[in-house]
Amino acid sequence: SGIARVVDGDTLDLAGRCVRLEGIDAPEAGQKCP
């Protein structure tokens, strides 16, 4: 546990560790959808 910082739509930085949210897949940060 710790203060979370967002990296992208499915990834966090938590206490200096990179955390990938299990079971989900968000569009990439620069992605556009029509």
PDB file of all heavy atoms in Angstrom:
ATOM      1  N   SER A   1       0.841  -1.190   0.000  1.00  0.00           N
ATOM      2  CA  SER A   1       0.000   0.000   0.000  1.00  0.00           C
ATOM      3  C   SER A   1       0.876   1.239   0.000  1.00  0.00           C
ATOM      4  O   SER A   1       2.071   1.193   0.325  1.00  0.00           O
ATOM      5  CB  SER A   1      -0.930   0.013   1.211  1.00  0.00           C
ATOM      6  OG  SER A   1      -0.183   0.084   2.417  1.00  0.00           O
ATOM      7  N   GLY A   2       0.273   2.351  -0.400  1.00  0.00           N
ATOM      8  CA  GLY A   2       0.993   3.615  -0.440  1.00  0.00           C
ATOM      9  C   GLY A   2       0.242   4.616  -1.278  1.00  0.00           C
ATOM     10  O   GLY A   2      -0.860   4.344  -1.779  1.00  0.00           O
ATOM     11  N   ILE A   3       0.832   5.811  -1.447  1.00  0.00           N
ATOM     12  CA  ILE A   3       0.221   6.829  -2.294  1.00  0.00           C
ATOM     13  C   ILE A   3       0.452   6.448  -3.749  1.00  0.00           C
ATOM     14  O   ILE A   3       1.592   6.197  -4.165  1.00  0.00           O
ATOM     15  CB  ILE A   3       0.826   8.217  -2.006  1.00  0.00           C
ATOM     16  CG1 ILE A   3       0.565   8.603  -0.554  1.00  0.00           C
ATOM     17  CG2 ILE A   3       0.247   9.266  -2.944  1.00  0.00           C
ATOM     18  CD1 ILE A   3      -0.898   8.715  -0.189  1.00  0.00           C
ATOM     19  N   ALA A   4      -0.627   6.393  -4.510  1.00  0.00           N
ATOM     20  CA  ALA A   4      -0.563   5.924  -5.892  1.00  0.00           C
ATOM     21  C   ALA A   4      -0.412   7.093  -6.858  1.00  0.00           C
ATOM     22  O   ALA A   4      -0.959   8.174  -6.642  1.00  0.00           O
ATOM     23  CB  ALA A   4      -1.816   5.130  -6.232  1.00  0.00           C
ATOM     24  N   ARG A   5       0.342   6.839  -7.935  1.00  0.00           N
ATOM     25  CA  ARG A   5       0.460   7.794  -9.036  1.00  0.00           C
ATOM     26  C   ARG A   5       0.159   7.053 -10.327  1.00  0.00           C
ATOM     27  O   ARG A   5       0.619   5.927 -10.537  1.00  0.00           O
ATOM     28  CB  ARG A   5       1.871   8.376  -9.088  1.00  0.00           C
ATOM     29  CG  ARG A   5       2.069   9.423 -10.176  1.00  0.00           C
ATOM     30  CD  ARG A   5       3.495   9.927 -10.197  1.00  0.00           C
ATOM     31  NE  ARG A   5       4.446   8.890 -10.545  1.00  0.00           N
ATOM     32  CZ  ARG A   5       4.723   8.511 -11.811  1.00  0.00           C
ATOM     33  NH1 ARG A   5       4.099   9.071 -12.818  1.00  0.00           N
ATOM     34  NH2 ARG A   5       5.614   7.564 -12.032  1.00  0.00           N
ATOM     35  N   VAL A   6      -0.624   7.685 -11.207  1.00  0.00           N
ATOM     36  CA  VAL A   6      -1.039   7.035 -12.447  1.00  0.00           C
ATOM     37  C   VAL A   6       0.056   7.143 -13.503  1.00  0.00           C
ATOM     38  O   VAL A   6       0.619   8.217 -13.722  1.00  0.00           O
ATOM     39  CB  VAL A   6      -2.345   7.660 -12.970  1.00  0.00           C
ATOM     40  CG1 VAL A   6      -2.658   7.181 -14.384  1.00  0.00           C
ATOM     41  CG2 VAL A   6      -3.483   7.319 -12.040  1.00  0.00           C
ATOM     42  N   VAL A   7       0.343   6.016 -14.152  1.00  0.00           N
ATOM     43  CA  VAL A   7       1.268   5.987 -15.284  1.00  0.00           C
ATOM     44  C   VAL A   7       0.485   6.058 -16.588  1.00  0.00           C
ATOM     45  O   VAL A   7       0.767   6.858 -17.463  1.00  0.00           O
ATOM     46  CB  VAL A   7       2.145   4.723 -15.241  1.00  0.00           C
ATOM     47  CG1 VAL A   7       3.061   4.642 -16.472  1.00  0.00           C
ATOM     48  CG2 VAL A   7       2.964   4.684 -13.957  1.00  0.00           C
ATOM     49  N   ASP A   8      -0.529   5.202 -16.711  1.00  0.00           N
ATOM     50  CA  ASP A   8      -1.452   5.241 -17.844  1.00  0.00           C
ATOM     51  C   ASP A   8      -2.753   4.596 -17.399  1.00  0.00           C
ATOM     52  O   ASP A   8      -2.974   4.427 -16.195  1.00  0.00           O
ATOM     53  CB  ASP A   8      -0.856   4.571 -19.099  1.00  0.00           C
ATOM     54  CG  ASP A   8      -0.458   3.117 -18.868  1.00  0.00           C
ATOM     55  OD1 ASP A   8      -1.081   2.438 -18.035  1.00  0.00           O
ATOM     56  OD2 ASP A   8       0.481   2.644 -19.535  1.00  0.00           O
ATOM     57  N   GLY A   9      -3.623   4.242 -18.341  1.00  0.00           N
ATOM     58  CA  GLY A   9      -4.961   3.784 -17.990  1.00  0.00           C
ATOM     59  C   GLY A   9      -5.055   2.451 -17.302  1.00  0.00           C
ATOM     60  O   GLY A   9      -6.135   2.089 -16.803  1.00  0.00           O
ATOM     61  N   ASP A  10      -3.977   1.699 -17.239  1.00  0.00           N
ATOM     62  CA  ASP A  10      -4.010   0.421 -16.512  1.00  0.00           C
ATOM     63  C   ASP A  10      -2.729   0.159 -15.716  1.00  0.00           C
ATOM     64  O   ASP A  10      -2.446  -0.985 -15.356  1.00  0.00           O
ATOM     65  CB  ASP A  10      -4.299  -0.756 -17.457  1.00  0.00           C
ATOM     66  CG  ASP A  10      -3.385  -0.777 -18.680  1.00  0.00           C
ATOM     67  OD1 ASP A  10      -2.228  -0.295 -18.568  1.00  0.00           O
ATOM     68  OD2 ASP A  10      -3.811  -1.260 -19.740  1.00  0.00           O
ATOM     69  N   THR A  11      -1.983   1.228 -15.417  1.00  0.00           N
ATOM     70  CA  THR A  11      -0.710   1.071 -14.710  1.00  0.00           C
ATOM     71  C   THR A  11      -0.540   2.152 -13.649  1.00  0.00           C
ATOM     72  O   THR A  11      -0.826   3.325 -13.903  1.00  0.00           O
ATOM     73  CB  THR A  11       0.483   1.148 -15.686  1.00  0.00           C
ATOM     74  OG1 THR A  11       0.245   0.278 -16.792  1.00  0.00           O
ATOM     75  CG2 THR A  11       1.767   0.742 -14.999  1.00  0.00           C
ATOM     76  N   LEU A  12      -0.076   1.738 -12.466  1.00  0.00           N
ATOM     77  CA  LEU A  12       0.169   2.660 -11.363  1.00  0.00           C
ATOM     78  C   LEU A  12       1.627   2.586 -10.924  1.00  0.00           C
ATOM     79  O   LEU A  12       2.292   1.570 -11.109  1.00  0.00           O
ATOM     80  CB  LEU A  12      -0.704   2.296 -10.148  1.00  0.00           C
ATOM     81  CG  LEU A  12      -2.213   2.321 -10.295  1.00  0.00           C
ATOM     82  CD1 LEU A  12      -2.857   1.803  -9.002  1.00  0.00           C
ATOM     83  CD2 LEU A  12      -2.706   3.720 -10.617  1.00  0.00           C
ATOM     84  N   ASP A  13       2.074   3.676 -10.329  1.00  0.00           N
ATOM     85  CA  ASP A  13       3.310   3.668  -9.558  1.00  0.00           C
ATOM     86  C   ASP A  13       2.892   3.717  -8.099  1.00  0.00           C
ATOM     87  O   ASP A  13       2.241   4.662  -7.663  1.00  0.00           O
ATOM     88  CB  ASP A  13       4.171   4.885  -9.915  1.00  0.00           C
ATOM     89  CG  ASP A  13       5.481   4.905  -9.134  1.00  0.00           C
ATOM     90  OD1 ASP A  13       5.426   5.064  -7.895  1.00  0.00           O
ATOM     91  OD2 ASP A  13       6.545   4.794  -9.741  1.00  0.00           O
ATOM     92  N   LEU A  14       3.234   2.683  -7.357  1.00  0.00           N
ATOM     93  CA  LEU A  14       2.839   2.593  -5.961  1.00  0.00           C
ATOM     94  C   LEU A  14       4.079   2.388  -5.102  1.00  0.00           C
ATOM     95  O   LEU A  14       4.732   1.349  -5.186  1.00  0.00           O
ATOM     96  CB  LEU A  14       1.855   1.436  -5.748  1.00  0.00           C
ATOM     97  CG  LEU A  14       1.290   1.269  -4.343  1.00  0.00           C
ATOM     98  CD1 LEU A  14       0.441   2.469  -3.952  1.00  0.00           C
ATOM     99  CD2 LEU A  14       0.459  -0.010  -4.251  1.00  0.00           C
ATOM    100  N   ALA A  15       4.404   3.396  -4.324  1.00  0.00           N
ATOM    101  CA  ALA A  15       5.577   3.331  -3.453  1.00  0.00           C
ATOM    102  C   ALA A  15       6.832   2.946  -4.231  1.00  0.00           C
ATOM    103  O   ALA A  15       7.660   2.162  -3.776  1.00  0.00           O
ATOM    104  CB  ALA A  15       5.327   2.346  -2.311  1.00  0.00           C
ATOM    105  N   GLY A  16       6.934   3.484  -5.451  1.00  0.00           N
ATOM    106  CA  GLY A  16       8.114   3.230  -6.265  1.00  0.00           C
ATOM    107  C   GLY A  16       8.092   1.940  -7.058  1.00  0.00           C
ATOM    108  O   GLY A  16       9.039   1.644  -7.789  1.00  0.00           O
ATOM    109  N   ARG A  17       7.008   1.176  -6.955  1.00  0.00           N
ATOM    110  CA  ARG A  17       6.875  -0.060  -7.730  1.00  0.00           C
ATOM    111  C   ARG A  17       5.855   0.118  -8.837  1.00  0.00           C
ATOM    112  O   ARG A  17       4.817   0.744  -8.649  1.00  0.00           O
ATOM    113  CB  ARG A  17       6.425  -1.221  -6.820  1.00  0.00           C
ATOM    114  CG  ARG A  17       7.452  -1.682  -5.818  1.00  0.00           C
ATOM    115  CD  ARG A  17       8.726  -2.203  -6.473  1.00  0.00           C
ATOM    116  NE  ARG A  17       8.478  -3.256  -7.452  1.00  0.00           N
ATOM    117  CZ  ARG A  17       8.424  -4.546  -7.141  1.00  0.00           C
ATOM    118  NH1 ARG A  17       8.589  -4.948  -5.893  1.00  0.00           N
ATOM    119  NH2 ARG A  17       8.218  -5.440  -8.085  1.00  0.00           N
ATOM    120  N   CYS A  18       6.157  -0.444  -9.999  1.00  0.00           N
ATOM    121  CA  CYS A  18       5.236  -0.388 -11.130  1.00  0.00           C
ATOM    122  C   CYS A  18       4.199  -1.496 -10.969  1.00  0.00           C
ATOM    123  O   CYS A  18       4.542  -2.666 -10.812  1.00  0.00           O
ATOM    124  CB  CYS A  18       5.996  -0.556 -12.437  1.00  0.00           C
ATOM    125  SG  CYS A  18       4.982  -0.303 -13.903  1.00  0.00           S
ATOM    126  N   VAL A  19       2.928  -1.116 -10.977  1.00  0.00           N
ATOM    127  CA  VAL A  19       1.827  -2.059 -10.768  1.00  0.00           C
ATOM    128  C   VAL A  19       0.924  -2.050 -11.995  1.00  0.00           C
ATOM    129  O   VAL A  19       0.377  -1.011 -12.380  1.00  0.00           O
ATOM    130  CB  VAL A  19       0.996  -1.696  -9.522  1.00  0.00           C
ATOM    131  CG1 VAL A  19      -0.174  -2.662  -9.353  1.00  0.00           C
ATOM    132  CG2 VAL A  19       1.874  -1.681  -8.277  1.00  0.00           C
ATOM    133  N   ARG A  20       0.765  -3.211 -12.629  1.00  0.00           N
ATOM    134  CA  ARG A  20      -0.140  -3.382 -13.765  1.00  0.00           C
ATOM    135  C   ARG A  20      -1.448  -3.930 -13.239  1.00  0.00           C
ATOM    136  O   ARG A  20      -1.473  -4.953 -12.554  1.00  0.00           O
ATOM    137  CB  ARG A  20       0.484  -4.346 -14.774  1.00  0.00           C
ATOM    138  CG  ARG A  20      -0.364  -4.674 -15.983  1.00  0.00           C
ATOM    139  CD  ARG A  20      -0.483  -3.486 -16.909  1.00  0.00           C
ATOM    140  NE  ARG A  20      -0.878  -3.883 -18.252  1.00  0.00           N
ATOM    141  CZ  ARG A  20      -2.103  -4.239 -18.624  1.00  0.00           C
ATOM    142  NH1 ARG A  20      -3.082  -4.259 -17.725  1.00  0.00           N
ATOM    143  NH2 ARG A  20      -2.356  -4.581 -19.870  1.00  0.00           N
ATOM    144  N   LEU A  21      -2.555  -3.228 -13.491  1.00  0.00           N
ATOM    145  CA  LEU A  21      -3.850  -3.661 -12.981  1.00  0.00           C
ATOM    146  C   LEU A  21      -4.268  -4.964 -13.659  1.00  0.00           C
ATOM    147  O   LEU A  21      -4.367  -5.044 -14.885  1.00  0.00           O
ATOM    148  CB  LEU A  21      -4.904  -2.574 -13.210  1.00  0.00           C
ATOM    149  CG  LEU A  21      -4.632  -1.240 -12.521  1.00  0.00           C
ATOM    150  CD1 LEU A  21      -5.777  -0.262 -12.775  1.00  0.00           C
ATOM    151  CD2 LEU A  21      -4.416  -1.417 -11.018  1.00  0.00           C
ATOM    152  N   GLU A  22      -4.514  -5.967 -12.844  1.00  0.00           N
ATOM    153  CA  GLU A  22      -4.792  -7.317 -13.329  1.00  0.00           C
ATOM    154  C   GLU A  22      -6.130  -7.380 -14.062  1.00  0.00           C
ATOM    155  O   GLU A  22      -7.131  -6.809 -13.648  1.00  0.00           O
ATOM    156  CB  GLU A  22      -4.810  -8.284 -12.137  1.00  0.00           C
ATOM    157  CG  GLU A  22      -4.912  -9.745 -12.502  1.00  0.00           C
ATOM    158  CD  GLU A  22      -6.342 -10.236 -12.599  1.00  0.00           C
ATOM    159  OE1 GLU A  22      -7.227  -9.601 -11.992  1.00  0.00           O
ATOM    160  OE2 GLU A  22      -6.560 -11.251 -13.287  1.00  0.00           O
ATOM    161  N   GLY A  23      -6.133  -8.072 -15.216  1.00  0.00           N
ATOM    162  CA  GLY A  23      -7.374  -8.418 -15.892  1.00  0.00           C
ATOM    163  C   GLY A  23      -7.961  -7.354 -16.793  1.00  0.00           C
ATOM    164  O   GLY A  23      -9.030  -7.572 -17.374  1.00  0.00           O
ATOM    165  N   ILE A  24      -7.308  -6.189 -16.944  1.00  0.00           N
ATOM    166  CA  ILE A  24      -7.874  -5.140 -17.784  1.00  0.00           C
ATOM    167  C   ILE A  24      -6.831  -4.668 -18.795  1.00  0.00           C
ATOM    168  O   ILE A  24      -5.635  -4.852 -18.612  1.00  0.00           O
ATOM    169  CB  ILE A  24      -8.407  -3.949 -16.965  1.00  0.00           C
ATOM    170  CG1 ILE A  24      -7.261  -3.119 -16.364  1.00  0.00           C
ATOM    171  CG2 ILE A  24      -9.351  -4.436 -15.868  1.00  0.00           C
ATOM    172  CD1 ILE A  24      -7.748  -1.860 -15.660  1.00  0.00           C
ATOM    173  N   ASP A  25      -7.314  -4.061 -19.889  1.00  0.00           N
ATOM    174  CA  ASP A  25      -6.417  -3.590 -20.940  1.00  0.00           C
ATOM    175  C   ASP A  25      -6.956  -2.279 -21.487  1.00  0.00           C
ATOM    176  O   ASP A  25      -7.912  -2.259 -22.260  1.00  0.00           O
ATOM    177  CB  ASP A  25      -6.328  -4.635 -22.049  1.00  0.00           C
ATOM    178  CG  ASP A  25      -5.265  -4.303 -23.079  1.00  0.00           C
ATOM    179  OD1 ASP A  25      -4.250  -3.696 -22.704  1.00  0.00           O
ATOM    180  OD2 ASP A  25      -5.451  -4.642 -24.264  1.00  0.00           O
ATOM    181  N   ALA A  26      -6.350  -1.165 -21.072  1.00  0.00           N
ATOM    182  CA  ALA A  26      -6.793   0.165 -21.497  1.00  0.00           C
ATOM    183  C   ALA A  26      -6.093   0.574 -22.783  1.00  0.00           C
ATOM    184  O   ALA A  26      -4.999   0.091 -23.086  1.00  0.00           O
ATOM    185  CB  ALA A  26      -6.494   1.185 -20.394  1.00  0.00           C
ATOM    186  N   PRO A  27      -6.699   1.494 -23.551  1.00  0.00           N
ATOM    187  CA  PRO A  27      -5.994   2.057 -24.712  1.00  0.00           C
ATOM    188  C   PRO A  27      -4.689   2.704 -24.267  1.00  0.00           C
ATOM    189  O   PRO A  27      -4.586   3.210 -23.149  1.00  0.00           O
ATOM    190  CB  PRO A  27      -6.971   3.106 -25.242  1.00  0.00           C
ATOM    191  CG  PRO A  27      -8.309   2.722 -24.701  1.00  0.00           C
ATOM    192  CD  PRO A  27      -8.044   2.072 -23.379  1.00  0.00           C
ATOM    193  N   GLU A  28      -3.690   2.690 -25.148  1.00  0.00           N
ATOM    194  CA  GLU A  28      -2.415   3.332 -24.837  1.00  0.00           C
ATOM    195  C   GLU A  28      -2.618   4.830 -24.648  1.00  0.00           C
ATOM    196  O   GLU A  28      -3.565   5.414 -25.180  1.00  0.00           O
ATOM    197  CB  GLU A  28      -1.403   3.074 -25.950  1.00  0.00           C
ATOM    198  CG  GLU A  28      -1.043   1.606 -26.152  1.00  0.00           C
ATOM    199  CD  GLU A  28      -0.333   1.008 -24.959  1.00  0.00           C
ATOM    200  OE1 GLU A  28       0.305   1.760 -24.211  1.00  0.00           O
ATOM    201  OE2 GLU A  28      -0.415  -0.216 -24.764  1.00  0.00           O
ATOM    202  N   ALA A  29      -1.712   5.464 -23.910  1.00  0.00           N
ATOM    203  CA  ALA A  29      -1.885   6.867 -23.522  1.00  0.00           C
ATOM    204  C   ALA A  29      -2.104   7.788 -24.710  1.00  0.00           C
ATOM    205  O   ALA A  29      -2.897   8.726 -24.646  1.00  0.00           O
ATOM    206  CB  ALA A  29      -0.679   7.327 -22.711  1.00  0.00           C
ATOM    207  N   GLY A  30      -1.443   7.534 -25.839  1.00  0.00           N
ATOM    208  CA  GLY A  30      -1.588   8.398 -27.005  1.00  0.00           C
ATOM    209  C   GLY A  30      -2.630   7.943 -27.996  1.00  0.00           C
ATOM    210  O   GLY A  30      -2.781   8.541 -29.063  1.00  0.00           O
ATOM    211  N   GLN A  31      -3.374   6.886 -27.648  1.00  0.00           N
ATOM    212  CA  GLN A  31      -4.319   6.286 -28.596  1.00  0.00           C
ATOM    213  C   GLN A  31      -5.550   7.149 -28.811  1.00  0.00           C
ATOM    214  O   GLN A  31      -6.091   7.733 -27.872  1.00  0.00           O
ATOM    215  CB  GLN A  31      -4.758   4.914 -28.084  1.00  0.00           C
ATOM    216  CG  GLN A  31      -5.762   4.203 -28.974  1.00  0.00           C
ATOM    217  CD  GLN A  31      -5.129   3.763 -30.270  1.00  0.00           C
ATOM    218  OE1 GLN A  31      -4.087   3.140 -30.257  1.00  0.00           O
ATOM    219  NE2 GLN A  31      -5.758   4.074 -31.368  1.00  0.00           N
ATOM    220  N   LYS A  32      -6.007   7.235 -30.062  1.00  0.00           N
ATOM    221  CA  LYS A  32      -7.284   7.858 -30.390  1.00  0.00           C
ATOM    222  C   LYS A  32      -8.258   6.781 -30.842  1.00  0.00           C
ATOM    223  O   LYS A  32      -7.869   5.807 -31.493  1.00  0.00           O
ATOM    224  CB  LYS A  32      -7.113   8.888 -31.504  1.00  0.00           C
ATOM    225  CG  LYS A  32      -6.312  10.119 -31.109  1.00  0.00           C
ATOM    226  CD  LYS A  32      -6.265  11.105 -32.256  1.00  0.00           C
ATOM    227  CE  LYS A  32      -5.482  12.348 -31.879  1.00  0.00           C
ATOM    228  NZ  LYS A  32      -5.435  13.327 -32.998  1.00  0.00           N
ATOM    229  N   CYS A  33      -9.537   6.950 -30.496  1.00  0.00           N
ATOM    230  CA  CYS A  33     -10.582   6.042 -30.945  1.00  0.00           C
ATOM    231  C   CYS A  33     -11.553   6.828 -31.830  1.00  0.00           C
ATOM    232  O   CYS A  33     -11.909   7.961 -31.497  1.00  0.00           O
ATOM    233  CB  CYS A  33     -11.345   5.444 -29.762  1.00  0.00           C
ATOM    234  SG  CYS A  33     -10.359   4.324 -28.750  1.00  0.00           S
ATOM    235  N   PRO A  34     -11.981   6.257 -32.940  1.00  0.00           N
ATOM    236  CA  PRO A  34     -12.938   6.956 -33.789  1.00  0.00           C
ATOM    237  C   PRO A  34     -14.357   6.779 -33.291  1.00  0.00           C
ATOM    238  O   PRO A  34     -14.647   5.866 -32.516  1.00  0.00           O
ATOM    239  CB  PRO A  34     -12.748   6.276 -35.146  1.00  0.00           C
ATOM    240  CG  PRO A  34     -12.333   4.893 -34.792  1.00  0.00           C
ATOM    241  CD  PRO A  34     -11.530   4.996 -33.509  1.00  0.00           C
TER     242      PRO A  34
END
